[in-house]
Amino acid sequence: MSRIDVFVAPRPNPALIRIMTVVNRVVMLHGIPGFRDLLPFNRLAGLRGVANVRHIEFPDDDRQRLKACCGAGKATFITPNHPEFFTDWMIDKEIVSQVSPLAASWATHGVVNGLGRIMQKFWLANNLIAQIPGNSGAAKEHSIAWALKGHGVLLHPEGGVGWHANVVGSLLPGAVEMGFEALKRGRATDQDCRIWIAPVVWKLAFTKNVEPALAQECAYVEKSLKIERRAADTLPERIHHVYATLLSRDEIACGMAPDERASYAARQTQLLLELSRRLGEGISFDPGANEIAELLRRSRRWLRENTGDAE
């Protein structure tokens, strides 16, 4: 197996974690006061803050409640539920630094294992747990053991990733499964052992009107993708039209007739099922409606095993 698919237990370095907490707070989130609003420095992501998060409103009651779930005699699985693929982890890192500084964090194996040996050592020293698709047993085992030491485990992302405004997505079962196993092990030696599953929900808010800038970005996307803008559309309608047009192109490329009367979600589901069926035929695997993750895992394995075979 390649290094990317082999689990290696984290080796947390408290000093490095403290340093990276400060780096995350300044470079990734808030930026440097005095520079972040001053031209031309505010055009440099590291001085402005890569994610440009000016303020995190973390009420003290919430902080103390989450902090009380962590510590000796407890095993805590922190389950964030929110969208976005960069800012979310940076905010989660800031949150756990305030309640359980040595908490372990799950991350994709492509980040932890896939960037070379030096970066792997760096991420393992930062207490990142590699999430390896279809091979998560070792990661779960390590997570349970670490949580039972009184440090939290951040399962990122535990909720379904997607832009869904004020609707909280369903939590995945992994935290509950690990929680029950931790409870069984913890109670074997300490009847007072407490196991916590702590959902964390936060949302982003703009501090000024960004619609003109978003409209400019949307125009760039429309032009790049050769999608005609409909003059009467509002900005949300323009964005929906971009996605719907791309979906129609995929349907046509797949030999399917776009049904504009159906919802986007229904059309996308049908397209994914058809693509899954075709991919399954190619690797001799019959995927069910809920087995796309397993299909992709087997496809990656098939590619590795057939590397160099042009046919």
Protein backbone atom coordinates (compact mmCIF):
# COMPACT_ATOMS: atom_id res chain seq x y z
CA MET A 1 0.00 0.00 0.00
CA SER A 2 1.14 3.56 -0.62
CA ARG A 3 1.96 5.82 2.33
CA ILE A 4 -1.27 7.77 1.84
CA ASP A 5 -3.36 4.71 2.76
CA VAL A 6 -1.31 3.61 5.80
CA PHE A 7 -2.40 4.87 9.22
CA VAL A 8 0.36 6.27 11.41
CA ALA A 9 -0.55 7.29 14.97
CA PRO A 10 -0.11 11.00 15.77
CA ARG A 11 2.83 12.05 17.92
CA PRO A 12 1.58 15.31 19.45
CA ASN A 13 4.19 17.94 20.27
CA PRO A 14 2.64 20.36 22.82
CA ALA A 15 5.14 23.16 22.06
CA LEU A 16 4.46 22.98 18.31
CA ILE A 17 0.71 22.86 18.92
CA ARG A 18 0.91 26.04 21.02
CA ILE A 19 2.93 27.80 18.33
CA MET A 20 0.55 26.72 15.57
CA THR A 21 -2.42 27.91 17.63
CA VAL A 22 -0.98 31.43 17.57
CA VAL A 23 -0.11 31.14 13.86
CA ASN A 24 -3.64 30.00 13.12
CA ARG A 25 -5.17 32.82 15.16
CA VAL A 26 -3.10 35.56 13.51
CA VAL A 27 -2.19 34.35 10.02
CA MET A 28 -5.21 32.22 9.18
CA LEU A 29 -8.01 34.05 10.99
CA HIS A 30 -7.69 37.58 12.33
CA GLY A 31 -4.68 39.06 10.60
CA ILE A 32 -2.40 41.69 12.13
CA PRO A 33 -4.19 44.76 13.55
CA GLY A 34 -3.05 47.94 11.84
CA PHE A 35 -2.00 46.08 8.69
CA ARG A 36 -5.20 44.19 7.89
CA ASP A 37 -7.03 47.41 6.91
CA LEU A 38 -4.13 49.31 5.38
CA LEU A 39 -3.32 49.28 1.67
CA PRO A 40 -1.39 47.52 0.22
CA PHE A 41 -0.93 45.21 3.21
CA ASN A 42 -4.59 44.18 3.30
CA ARG A 43 -4.08 42.48 -0.05
CA LEU A 44 -1.59 40.07 1.54
CA ALA A 45 -3.53 37.15 2.96
CA GLY A 46 -1.12 36.52 5.86
CA LEU A 47 -1.36 40.13 7.09
CA ARG A 48 -5.11 40.42 6.48
CA GLY A 49 -5.84 36.91 7.72
CA VAL A 50 -6.24 34.19 5.09
CA ALA A 51 -9.83 33.49 6.11
CA ASN A 52 -10.38 37.15 7.09
CA VAL A 53 -12.37 36.27 10.22
CA ARG A 54 -12.27 39.48 12.26
CA HIS A 55 -14.02 38.30 15.38
CA ILE A 56 -15.24 35.02 16.85
CA GLU A 57 -18.17 35.48 19.20
CA PHE A 58 -17.75 32.53 21.56
CA PRO A 59 -20.04 33.21 24.56
CA ASP A 60 -18.38 32.41 27.86
CA ASP A 61 -21.29 30.17 28.93
CA ASP A 62 -20.82 28.06 25.79
CA ARG A 63 -17.06 27.95 26.29
CA GLN A 64 -17.35 26.84 29.90
CA ARG A 65 -19.97 24.22 29.04
CA LEU A 66 -17.76 22.70 26.35
CA LYS A 67 -14.67 22.95 28.55
CA ALA A 68 -16.50 21.13 31.35
CA CYS A 69 -17.00 18.16 28.99
CA CYS A 70 -13.24 17.75 28.56
CA GLY A 71 -10.61 16.62 31.02
CA ALA A 72 -9.62 13.74 33.29
CA GLY A 73 -12.25 11.08 33.81
CA LYS A 74 -14.04 12.05 30.61
CA ALA A 75 -13.81 11.06 26.95
CA THR A 76 -15.15 13.72 24.60
CA PHE A 77 -15.89 13.56 20.89
CA ILE A 78 -16.41 17.06 19.47
CA THR A 79 -18.62 17.05 16.38
CA PRO A 80 -18.68 20.29 14.35
CA ASN A 81 -21.58 20.81 11.98
CA HIS A 82 -21.07 23.47 9.33
CA PRO A 83 -20.10 24.05 5.68
CA GLU A 84 -16.83 25.24 4.07
CA PHE A 85 -13.55 23.40 3.61
CA PHE A 86 -10.84 25.69 5.02
CA THR A 87 -12.20 28.38 7.30
CA ASP A 88 -14.19 25.77 9.21
CA TRP A 89 -11.11 23.84 10.33
CA MET A 90 -9.32 27.04 11.33
CA ILE A 91 -12.27 28.14 13.47
CA ASP A 92 -12.58 24.65 14.97
CA LYS A 93 -8.87 24.74 15.81
CA GLU A 94 -9.37 28.03 17.66
CA ILE A 95 -12.37 26.66 19.54
CA VAL A 96 -10.67 23.47 20.75
CA SER A 97 -7.52 25.42 21.71
CA GLN A 98 -9.66 27.20 24.30
CA VAL A 99 -11.29 24.08 25.77
CA SER A 100 -8.90 21.17 25.16
CA PRO A 101 -5.53 22.31 23.77
CA LEU A 102 -4.25 18.77 23.10
CA ALA A 103 -7.37 17.57 21.34
CA ALA A 104 -6.74 15.32 18.34
CA SER A 105 -8.37 16.26 15.03
CA TRP A 106 -9.45 14.07 12.16
CA ALA A 107 -8.35 15.20 8.71
CA THR A 108 -8.29 13.74 5.23
CA HIS A 109 -5.48 11.28 4.55
CA GLY A 110 -4.55 13.34 1.50
CA VAL A 111 -3.39 16.12 3.82
CA VAL A 112 -1.90 14.06 6.65
CA ASN A 113 -0.17 11.38 4.56
CA GLY A 114 -0.16 12.68 1.02
CA LEU A 115 2.25 15.63 1.12
CA GLY A 116 5.51 13.77 1.76
CA ARG A 117 7.35 12.48 4.80
CA ILE A 118 8.29 15.87 6.26
CA MET A 119 4.74 17.21 6.10
CA GLN A 120 3.42 13.91 7.49
CA LYS A 121 5.67 14.31 10.55
CA PHE A 122 4.50 17.92 10.88
CA TRP A 123 0.79 17.02 10.80
CA LEU A 124 1.27 14.08 13.16
CA ALA A 125 3.08 16.40 15.58
CA ASN A 126 0.04 18.69 15.34
CA ASN A 127 -2.07 15.72 16.50
CA LEU A 128 -3.93 15.13 13.24
CA ILE A 129 -5.55 11.73 12.71
CA ALA A 130 -5.57 10.54 9.10
CA GLN A 131 -9.05 9.59 7.89
CA ILE A 132 -8.42 6.79 5.39
CA PRO A 133 -11.56 5.92 3.36
CA GLY A 134 -12.61 2.32 3.85
CA ASN A 135 -9.85 1.73 6.40
CA SER A 136 -10.75 3.73 9.48
CA GLY A 137 -10.36 1.03 12.13
CA ALA A 138 -6.92 2.15 13.33
CA ALA A 139 -7.99 5.82 13.41
CA LYS A 140 -11.05 4.96 15.50
CA GLU A 141 -8.98 2.82 17.87
CA HIS A 142 -6.48 5.63 18.38
CA SER A 143 -9.29 8.18 18.82
CA ILE A 144 -10.94 6.13 21.58
CA ALA A 145 -7.65 5.64 23.41
CA TRP A 146 -6.75 9.34 23.16
CA ALA A 147 -10.19 10.48 24.28
CA LEU A 148 -9.98 8.20 27.34
CA LYS A 149 -6.81 10.07 28.35
CA GLY A 150 -8.99 13.13 28.94
CA HIS A 151 -8.27 14.94 25.68
CA GLY A 152 -10.99 15.71 23.19
CA VAL A 153 -11.18 14.29 19.68
CA LEU A 154 -12.47 16.63 16.97
CA LEU A 155 -14.22 14.67 14.25
CA HIS A 156 -13.98 16.98 11.30
CA PRO A 157 -16.38 17.32 9.64
CA GLU A 158 -18.92 15.28 11.58
CA GLY A 159 -21.95 16.98 10.05
CA GLY A 160 -22.83 16.84 6.37
CA VAL A 161 -20.83 19.52 4.57
CA GLY A 162 -23.01 21.90 2.58
CA TRP A 163 -24.47 25.37 2.51
CA HIS A 164 -27.77 24.98 4.38
CA ALA A 165 -28.22 28.31 6.20
CA ASN A 166 -29.87 27.81 9.60
CA VAL A 167 -30.59 24.10 9.14
CA VAL A 168 -28.36 21.79 11.18
CA GLY A 169 -27.34 18.73 9.16
CA SER A 170 -27.58 15.21 10.53
CA LEU A 171 -24.61 14.00 12.53
CA LEU A 172 -22.76 10.96 11.26
CA PRO A 173 -22.75 7.80 13.41
CA GLY A 174 -18.97 7.57 13.93
CA ALA A 175 -18.94 9.68 17.09
CA VAL A 176 -21.69 7.63 18.68
CA GLU A 177 -20.00 4.33 17.79
CA MET A 178 -16.70 5.48 19.28
CA GLY A 179 -18.53 6.96 22.26
CA PHE A 180 -20.18 3.64 23.12
CA GLU A 181 -16.87 1.79 22.80
CA ALA A 182 -15.11 4.38 24.98
CA LEU A 183 -17.89 4.05 27.55
CA LYS A 184 -17.45 0.28 27.68
CA ARG A 185 -13.69 0.56 28.15
CA GLY A 186 -13.82 3.48 30.54
CA ARG A 187 -16.41 1.92 32.84
CA ALA A 188 -14.33 -1.26 33.02
CA THR A 189 -11.83 0.60 35.20
CA ASP A 190 -13.79 3.63 36.42
CA GLN A 191 -17.54 3.45 37.04
CA ASP A 192 -17.67 7.25 37.15
CA CYS A 193 -16.16 7.67 33.67
CA ARG A 194 -18.25 10.06 31.58
CA ILE A 195 -18.47 10.03 27.80
CA TRP A 196 -19.55 13.15 25.92
CA ILE A 197 -20.57 13.77 22.33
CA ALA A 198 -20.44 17.54 21.95
CA PRO A 199 -21.99 19.01 18.78
CA VAL A 200 -20.52 22.39 17.82
CA VAL A 201 -22.51 24.65 15.52
CA TRP A 202 -21.42 28.06 14.34
CA LYS A 203 -22.25 30.31 11.40
CA LEU A 204 -20.49 33.04 9.47
CA ALA A 205 -21.77 36.59 9.15
CA PHE A 206 -20.49 39.28 6.81
CA THR A 207 -19.59 42.58 8.45
CA LYS A 208 -20.53 44.62 5.36
CA ASN A 209 -22.56 44.31 2.18
CA VAL A 210 -20.63 41.98 -0.12
CA GLU A 211 -23.25 41.54 -2.85
CA PRO A 212 -21.43 43.77 -5.40
CA ALA A 213 -18.22 41.76 -4.94
CA LEU A 214 -20.13 38.48 -5.18
CA ALA A 215 -21.84 39.67 -8.35
CA GLN A 216 -18.43 40.48 -9.83
CA GLU A 217 -17.17 36.99 -8.94
CA CYS A 218 -20.31 35.46 -10.44
CA ALA A 219 -19.79 37.37 -13.68
CA TYR A 220 -16.22 36.04 -13.86
CA VAL A 221 -17.48 32.47 -13.39
CA GLU A 222 -20.21 32.89 -16.02
CA LYS A 223 -17.72 34.25 -18.54
CA SER A 224 -15.13 31.55 -17.82
CA LEU A 225 -17.70 28.77 -18.19
CA LYS A 226 -19.41 30.39 -21.21
CA ILE A 227 -22.75 30.57 -19.43
CA GLU A 228 -25.11 33.28 -20.63
CA ARG A 229 -26.38 35.56 -17.90
CA ARG A 230 -30.14 36.02 -17.65
CA ALA A 231 -30.69 39.74 -17.12
CA ALA A 232 -33.70 39.45 -14.80
CA ASP A 233 -32.06 37.01 -12.39
CA THR A 234 -31.14 37.99 -8.86
CA LEU A 235 -27.70 36.99 -7.58
CA PRO A 236 -28.96 33.75 -5.95
CA GLU A 237 -30.83 32.89 -9.17
CA ARG A 238 -27.67 33.52 -11.19
CA ILE A 239 -25.69 31.15 -8.99
CA HIS A 240 -28.41 28.49 -9.25
CA HIS A 241 -28.43 28.93 -13.03
CA VAL A 242 -24.65 28.34 -13.15
CA TYR A 243 -24.97 25.07 -11.22
CA ALA A 244 -28.03 23.96 -13.20
CA THR A 245 -26.26 24.64 -16.51
CA LEU A 246 -23.22 22.61 -15.46
CA LEU A 247 -25.50 19.79 -14.36
CA SER A 248 -27.28 19.86 -17.74
CA ARG A 249 -23.92 19.61 -19.52
CA ASP A 250 -22.99 16.59 -17.43
CA GLU A 251 -26.36 14.96 -18.10
CA ILE A 252 -25.98 15.48 -21.85
CA ALA A 253 -22.41 14.15 -21.79
CA CYS A 254 -23.78 11.07 -20.03
CA GLY A 255 -26.51 10.60 -22.65
CA MET A 256 -29.32 11.71 -20.33
CA ALA A 257 -31.97 14.26 -21.28
CA PRO A 258 -32.08 17.16 -18.77
CA ASP A 259 -35.46 17.48 -17.06
CA GLU A 260 -35.68 21.13 -16.01
CA ARG A 261 -39.02 20.48 -14.27
CA ALA A 262 -37.29 18.27 -11.68
CA SER A 263 -35.37 19.69 -8.74
CA TYR A 264 -31.61 20.08 -8.90
CA ALA A 265 -31.14 17.54 -6.10
CA ALA A 266 -33.28 14.91 -7.84
CA ARG A 267 -31.47 15.39 -11.15
CA GLN A 268 -28.06 15.24 -9.50
CA THR A 269 -28.99 12.05 -7.65
CA GLN A 270 -30.10 10.34 -10.86
CA LEU A 271 -26.91 11.39 -12.63
CA LEU A 272 -24.71 10.08 -9.80
CA LEU A 273 -26.58 6.78 -9.80
CA GLU A 274 -26.07 6.39 -13.54
CA LEU A 275 -22.38 7.28 -13.32
CA SER A 276 -22.01 4.85 -10.39
CA ARG A 277 -23.65 2.09 -12.39
CA ARG A 278 -21.28 2.63 -15.32
CA LEU A 279 -18.21 2.84 -13.09
CA GLY A 280 -19.33 -0.30 -11.26
CA GLU A 281 -19.53 -2.19 -14.54
CA GLY A 282 -15.95 -1.18 -15.31
CA ILE A 283 -14.55 -2.59 -12.06
CA SER A 284 -17.03 -5.48 -11.62
CA PHE A 285 -18.80 -4.04 -8.59
CA ASP A 286 -22.54 -3.47 -8.27
CA PRO A 287 -23.04 -0.38 -6.08
CA GLY A 288 -26.31 0.24 -4.28
CA ALA A 289 -27.86 3.66 -3.90
CA ASN A 290 -25.94 4.32 -0.67
CA GLU A 291 -22.61 2.75 -1.58
CA ILE A 292 -20.92 5.49 -3.59
CA ALA A 293 -18.15 5.85 -0.98
CA GLU A 294 -17.39 2.13 -1.21
CA LEU A 295 -17.48 2.32 -5.01
CA LEU A 296 -14.92 5.13 -5.00
CA ARG A 297 -12.69 3.24 -2.56
CA ARG A 298 -12.73 0.15 -4.79
CA SER A 299 -12.14 2.32 -7.87
CA ARG A 300 -9.02 3.84 -6.32
CA ARG A 301 -7.77 0.36 -5.47
CA TRP A 302 -8.54 -0.78 -9.03
CA LEU A 303 -6.49 2.12 -10.41
CA ARG A 304 -3.53 1.28 -8.19
CA GLU A 305 -3.62 -2.38 -9.16
CA ASN A 306 -3.88 -1.60 -12.87
CA THR A 307 -1.30 1.18 -13.09
CA GLY A 308 0.71 0.72 -16.27
CA ASP A 309 -2.00 -1.32 -17.99
CA ALA A 310 -3.15 0.93 -20.82
CA GLU A 311 -6.20 -1.20 -21.59
